[in-house]
C-alpha atoms as a PDB file:
ATOM      1  CA  MET A   1    -162.325 -40.920  33.094  1.00  0.00           C
ATOM      2  CA  ALA A   2    -164.325 -38.385  31.138  1.00  0.00           C
ATOM      3  CA  LYS A   3    -163.338 -37.332  27.683  1.00  0.00           C
ATOM      4  CA  LYS A   4    -162.772 -33.658  27.220  1.00  0.00           C
ATOM      5  CA  LEU A   5    -164.835 -31.195  25.277  1.00  0.00           C
ATOM      6  CA  ALA A   6    -163.772 -30.778  21.681  1.00  0.00           C
ATOM      7  CA  PRO A   7    -161.253 -27.954  21.271  1.00  0.00           C
ATOM      8  CA  GLU A   8    -163.657 -26.384  18.764  1.00  0.00           C
ATOM      9  CA  VAL A   9    -166.280 -25.908  21.497  1.00  0.00           C
ATOM     10  CA  LYS A  10    -163.760 -24.436  23.917  1.00  0.00           C
ATOM     11  CA  ASN A  11    -162.474 -22.086  21.214  1.00  0.00           C
ATOM     12  CA  LEU A  12    -165.985 -20.946  20.290  1.00  0.00           C
ATOM     13  CA  MET A  13    -166.775 -20.300  23.959  1.00  0.00           C
ATOM     14  CA  ALA A  14    -163.492 -18.479  24.540  1.00  0.00           C
ATOM     15  CA  ALA A  15    -164.032 -16.231  21.511  1.00  0.00           C
ATOM     16  CA  LEU A  16    -167.589 -15.395  22.552  1.00  0.00           C
ATOM     17  CA  LYS A  17    -166.539 -14.722  26.144  1.00  0.00           C
ATOM     18  CA  SER A  18    -163.723 -12.485  24.952  1.00  0.00           C
ATOM     19  CA  ARG A  19    -166.057 -10.428  22.732  1.00  0.00           C
ATOM     20  CA  MET A  20    -168.731 -10.075  25.405  1.00  0.00           C
ATOM     21  CA  ALA A  21    -166.278  -9.332  28.234  1.00  0.00           C
ATOM     22  CA  VAL A  22    -165.221  -6.093  26.537  1.00  0.00           C
ATOM     23  CA  LYS A  23    -168.369  -4.412  27.863  1.00  0.00           C
ATOM     24  CA  GLY A  24    -168.889  -6.762  30.791  1.00  0.00           C
ATOM     25  CA  ALA A  25    -171.031  -9.866  30.727  1.00  0.00           C
ATOM     26  CA  THR A  26    -172.437 -12.306  33.228  1.00  0.00           C
ATOM     27  CA  SER A  27    -171.771 -16.022  32.881  1.00  0.00           C
ATOM     28  CA  GLU A  28    -175.475 -16.486  32.243  1.00  0.00           C
ATOM     29  CA  SER A  29    -175.534 -13.988  29.365  1.00  0.00           C
ATOM     30  CA  ILE A  30    -172.474 -15.632  27.783  1.00  0.00           C
ATOM     31  CA  VAL A  31    -174.105 -19.063  28.047  1.00  0.00           C
ATOM     32  CA  ASN A  32    -177.357 -17.736  26.575  1.00  0.00           C
ATOM     33  CA  GLU A  33    -175.496 -16.272  23.596  1.00  0.00           C
ATOM     34  CA  PHE A  34    -173.563 -19.507  23.142  1.00  0.00           C
ATOM     35  CA  ILE A  35    -176.804 -21.503  23.088  1.00  0.00           C
ATOM     36  CA  LYS A  36    -178.356 -19.030  20.652  1.00  0.00           C
ATOM     37  CA  HIS A  37    -175.461 -19.104  18.173  1.00  0.00           C
ATOM     38  CA  HIS A  38    -173.831 -22.522  18.641  1.00  0.00           C
ATOM     39  CA  GLY A  39    -176.627 -25.021  19.247  1.00  0.00           C
ATOM     40  CA  ASP A  40    -175.009 -27.445  16.801  1.00  0.00           C
ATOM     41  CA  ALA A  41    -171.825 -27.590  18.900  1.00  0.00           C
ATOM     42  CA  ILE A  42    -173.889 -28.193  22.024  1.00  0.00           C
ATOM     43  CA  THR A  43    -175.732 -31.044  20.324  1.00  0.00           C
ATOM     44  CA  ARG A  44    -172.447 -32.714  19.316  1.00  0.00           C
ATOM     45  CA  GLU A  45    -171.003 -32.405  22.839  1.00  0.00           C
ATOM     46  CA  ASN A  46    -174.218 -32.991  24.790  1.00  0.00           C
ATOM     47  CA  ALA A  47    -173.131 -36.210  26.515  1.00  0.00           C
ATOM     48  CA  GLU A  48    -169.875 -34.681  27.779  1.00  0.00           C
ATOM     49  CA  LEU A  49    -171.623 -31.451  28.827  1.00  0.00           C
ATOM     50  CA  ASN A  50    -174.099 -33.509  30.846  1.00  0.00           C
ATOM     51  CA  ARG A  51    -171.225 -35.425  32.462  1.00  0.00           C
ATOM     52  CA  ILE A  52    -169.483 -32.171  33.422  1.00  0.00           C
ATOM     53  CA  ALA A  53    -172.697 -30.762  34.879  1.00  0.00           C
ATOM     54  CA  LEU A  54    -173.355 -33.945  36.860  1.00  0.00           C
ATOM     55  CA  MET A  55    -169.789 -33.912  38.238  1.00  0.00           C
ATOM     56  CA  LYS A  56    -170.371 -30.334  39.479  1.00  0.00           C
ATOM     57  CA  ILE A  57    -173.648 -31.358  41.082  1.00  0.00           C
ATOM     58  CA  VAL A  58    -172.012 -34.339  42.833  1.00  0.00           C
ATOM     59  CA  GLN A  59    -169.354 -32.006  44.228  1.00  0.00           C
ATOM     60  CA  ASN A  60    -171.987 -29.724  45.754  1.00  0.00           C
ATOM     61  CA  VAL A  61    -174.716 -32.166  46.762  1.00  0.00           C
ATOM     62  CA  GLY A  62    -174.831 -32.789  50.494  1.00  0.00           C
ATOM     63  CA  LYS A  63    -173.282 -29.451  51.414  1.00  0.00           C
ATOM     64  CA  ALA A  64    -176.633 -28.028  52.386  1.00  0.00           C
ATOM     65  CA  ALA A  65    -178.593 -29.647  55.181  1.00  0.00           C
ATOM     66  CA  THR A  66    -181.344 -30.883  52.866  1.00  0.00           C
ATOM     67  CA  GLY A  67    -182.851 -34.264  52.226  1.00  0.00           C
ATOM     68  CA  PRO A  68    -183.353 -37.111  54.634  1.00  0.00           C
ATOM     69  CA  THR A  69    -181.077 -37.257  57.633  1.00  0.00           C
ATOM     70  CA  SER A  70    -180.753 -40.256  59.873  1.00  0.00           C
ATOM     71  CA  THR A  71    -181.857 -39.979  63.489  1.00  0.00           C
ATOM     72  CA  VAL A  72    -178.348 -40.902  64.576  1.00  0.00           C
ATOM     73  CA  GLN A  73    -176.919 -38.055  62.536  1.00  0.00           C
ATOM     74  CA  ILE A  74    -179.388 -35.538  63.970  1.00  0.00           C
ATOM     75  CA  GLU A  75    -178.410 -36.541  67.494  1.00  0.00           C
ATOM     76  CA  MET A  76    -174.700 -36.685  66.715  1.00  0.00           C
ATOM     77  CA  PHE A  77    -174.229 -33.541  64.644  1.00  0.00           C
ATOM     78  CA  ALA A  78    -177.130 -31.205  65.407  1.00  0.00           C
ATOM     79  CA  GLU A  79    -174.953 -28.714  67.290  1.00  0.00           C
ATOM     80  CA  TYR A  80    -172.146 -28.665  64.696  1.00  0.00           C
ATOM     81  CA  GLY A  81    -172.265 -26.567  61.552  1.00  0.00           C
ATOM     82  CA  ILE A  82    -170.683 -29.161  59.298  1.00  0.00           C
ATOM     83  CA  ASP A  83    -171.731 -30.754  56.038  1.00  0.00           C
ATOM     84  CA  ARG A  84    -172.935 -34.331  56.142  1.00  0.00           C
ATOM     85  CA  MET A  85    -170.290 -35.301  53.613  1.00  0.00           C
ATOM     86  CA  VAL A  86    -166.746 -34.114  53.034  1.00  0.00           C
ATOM     87  CA  MET A  87    -164.144 -34.698  50.346  1.00  0.00           C
ATOM     88  CA  ILE A  88    -161.085 -36.467  51.710  1.00  0.00           C
ATOM     89  CA  THR A  89    -157.873 -37.625  50.098  1.00  0.00           C
ATOM     90  CA  ALA A  90    -157.543 -41.371  50.549  1.00  0.00           C
ATOM     91  CA  SER A  91    -154.203 -43.029  51.288  1.00  0.00           C
ATOM     92  CA  ASN A  92    -153.838 -43.829  47.565  1.00  0.00           C
ATOM     93  CA  GLY A  93    -154.215 -40.110  46.716  1.00  0.00           C
ATOM     94  CA  GLU A  94    -157.729 -40.495  45.328  1.00  0.00           C
ATOM     95  CA  LYS A  95    -160.298 -37.841  46.286  1.00  0.00           C
ATOM     96  CA  GLN A  96    -163.367 -39.457  47.840  1.00  0.00           C
ATOM     97  CA  HIS A  97    -166.718 -38.215  49.094  1.00  0.00           C
ATOM     98  CA  ARG A  98    -167.292 -39.593  52.580  1.00  0.00           C
ATOM     99  CA  LYS A  99    -170.046 -39.296  55.170  1.00  0.00           C
ATOM    100  CA  VAL A 100    -168.665 -37.639  58.282  1.00  0.00           C
ATOM    101  CA  GLU A 101    -169.980 -40.405  60.498  1.00  0.00           C
ATOM    102  CA  THR A 102    -167.869 -42.975  58.603  1.00  0.00           C
ATOM    103  CA  LEU A 103    -164.539 -41.131  58.980  1.00  0.00           C
ATOM    104  CA  SER A 104    -162.005 -42.477  61.412  1.00  0.00           C
ATOM    105  CA  VAL A 105    -160.735 -39.938  63.928  1.00  0.00           C
ATOM    106  CA  MET A 106    -157.371 -40.070  62.149  1.00  0.00           C
ATOM    107  CA  GLU A 107    -159.021 -39.335  58.772  1.00  0.00           C
ATOM    108  CA  ALA A 108    -160.915 -36.427  60.328  1.00  0.00           C
ATOM    109  CA  HIS A 109    -157.683 -34.999  61.749  1.00  0.00           C
ATOM    110  CA  THR A 110    -156.050 -35.352  58.334  1.00  0.00           C
ATOM    111  CA  PHE A 111    -159.033 -33.560  56.756  1.00  0.00           C
ATOM    112  CA  VAL A 112    -158.781 -30.687  59.244  1.00  0.00           C
ATOM    113  CA  GLU A 113    -155.005 -30.390  58.852  1.00  0.00           C
ATOM    114  CA  ALA A 114    -155.270 -30.334  55.060  1.00  0.00           C
ATOM    115  CA  HIS A 115    -157.763 -27.479  55.209  1.00  0.00           C
ATOM    116  CA  MET A 116    -155.890 -25.465  57.815  1.00  0.00           C
ATOM    117  CA  LYS A 117    -152.613 -25.318  55.908  1.00  0.00           C
ATOM    118  CA  PRO A 118    -151.973 -21.731  54.927  1.00  0.00           C
ATOM    119  CA  LYS A 119    -151.817 -21.023  51.240  1.00  0.00           C
ATOM    120  CA  SER A 120    -148.112 -20.853  50.557  1.00  0.00           C
ATOM    121  CA  ARG A 121    -148.571 -18.489  47.677  1.00  0.00           C
ATOM    122  CA  LEU A 122    -151.091 -16.412  45.845  1.00  0.00           C
ATOM    123  CA  PRO A 123    -152.462 -17.808  42.619  1.00  0.00           C
ATOM    124  CA  SER A 124    -150.292 -16.679  39.708  1.00  0.00           C
ATOM    125  CA  GLN A 125    -153.281 -14.833  38.222  1.00  0.00           C
ATOM    126  CA  VAL A 126    -153.481 -12.599  41.318  1.00  0.00           C
ATOM    127  CA  LYS A 127    -149.730 -12.023  41.438  1.00  0.00           C
ATOM    128  CA  GLU A 128    -149.616 -11.111  37.761  1.00  0.00           C
ATOM    129  CA  MET A 129    -152.626  -8.780  38.068  1.00  0.00           C
ATOM    130  CA  THR A 130    -150.836  -7.018  40.936  1.00  0.00           C
ATOM    131  CA  ARG A 131    -147.720  -6.684  38.813  1.00  0.00           C
ATOM    132  CA  LEU A 132    -149.767  -5.291  35.906  1.00  0.00           C
ATOM    133  CA  LEU A 133    -151.454  -2.760  38.215  1.00  0.00           C
ATOM    134  CA  ASP A 134    -148.076  -1.648  39.565  1.00  0.00           C
ATOM    135  CA  THR A 135    -146.970  -1.026  35.980  1.00  0.00           C
ATOM    136  CA  VAL A 136    -150.027   0.829  34.646  1.00  0.00           C
ATOM    137  CA  GLU A 137    -151.423   2.680  37.662  1.00  0.00           C
ATOM    138  CA  PRO A 138    -149.022   5.651  37.341  1.00  0.00           C
ATOM    139  CA  TYR A 139    -150.559   6.275  33.908  1.00  0.00           C
ATOM    140  CA  LYS A 140    -154.204   6.541  34.953  1.00  0.00           C
ATOM    141  CA  THR A 141    -155.879   9.902  34.486  1.00  0.00           C
ATOM    142  CA  ASN A 142    -158.797   9.225  36.850  1.00  0.00           C
ATOM    143  CA  ASP A 143    -160.483   6.384  38.760  1.00  0.00           C
ATOM    144  CA  ARG A 144    -162.373   5.325  35.629  1.00  0.00           C
ATOM    145  CA  SER A 145    -159.234   4.905  33.519  1.00  0.00           C
ATOM    146  CA  THR A 146    -159.060   1.392  32.078  1.00  0.00           C
ATOM    147  CA  ILE A 147    -156.064  -0.872  32.171  1.00  0.00           C
ATOM    148  CA  GLY A 148    -156.038  -0.770  28.359  1.00  0.00           C
ATOM    149  CA  GLU A 149    -155.867   3.040  28.311  1.00  0.00           C
ATOM    150  CA  CYS A 150    -153.111   3.054  30.917  1.00  0.00           C
ATOM    151  CA  TRP A 151    -151.182   0.358  29.038  1.00  0.00           C
ATOM    152  CA  LYS A 152    -151.163   2.446  25.860  1.00  0.00           C
ATOM    153  CA  LYS A 153    -149.805   5.437  27.809  1.00  0.00           C
ATOM    154  CA  TYR A 154    -147.182   3.228  29.482  1.00  0.00           C
ATOM    155  CA  ARG A 155    -146.039   1.840  26.113  1.00  0.00           C
ATOM    156  CA  LYS A 156    -145.995   5.318  24.587  1.00  0.00           C
ATOM    157  CA  ALA A 157    -143.898   6.617  27.520  1.00  0.00           C
ATOM    158  CA  GLY A 158    -141.447   3.743  26.986  1.00  0.00           C
ATOM    159  CA  ASP A 159    -141.077   4.631  23.313  1.00  0.00           C
ATOM    160  CA  SER A 160    -140.195   8.243  24.143  1.00  0.00           C
END
């Protein structure tokens, strides 16, 4: 199990992201600024950062139809738009990367069923953003009004 990044690094990143997000910033620009101003923190956490990056790569490798493919696989799956590997939940609850050709029919059915289940609820972030919009939207003056501007008007109206 991987150790986690030091809270200091997360706090530095969060503060930088917060400052830059005021005017809008891409992930790349935030990372570039972090590298520019916090190289020492990166050096201290380099091993864990590499582990995190490699975990992300492992999750995505094999999704594209690149690299060597066996003749059997070409014949078996050429007409199907599926990845060569999928992530399944094993009987012990562990998530595993598996080649499609090695799945039992039962495991494949379980995979399909798990991915077809409707989302029972919206993520809380989306629900709360909707609730915030319901609260502040009556206070916008035009389509370019910001949530912050509307919030101040809402609070001022509540104080009246």
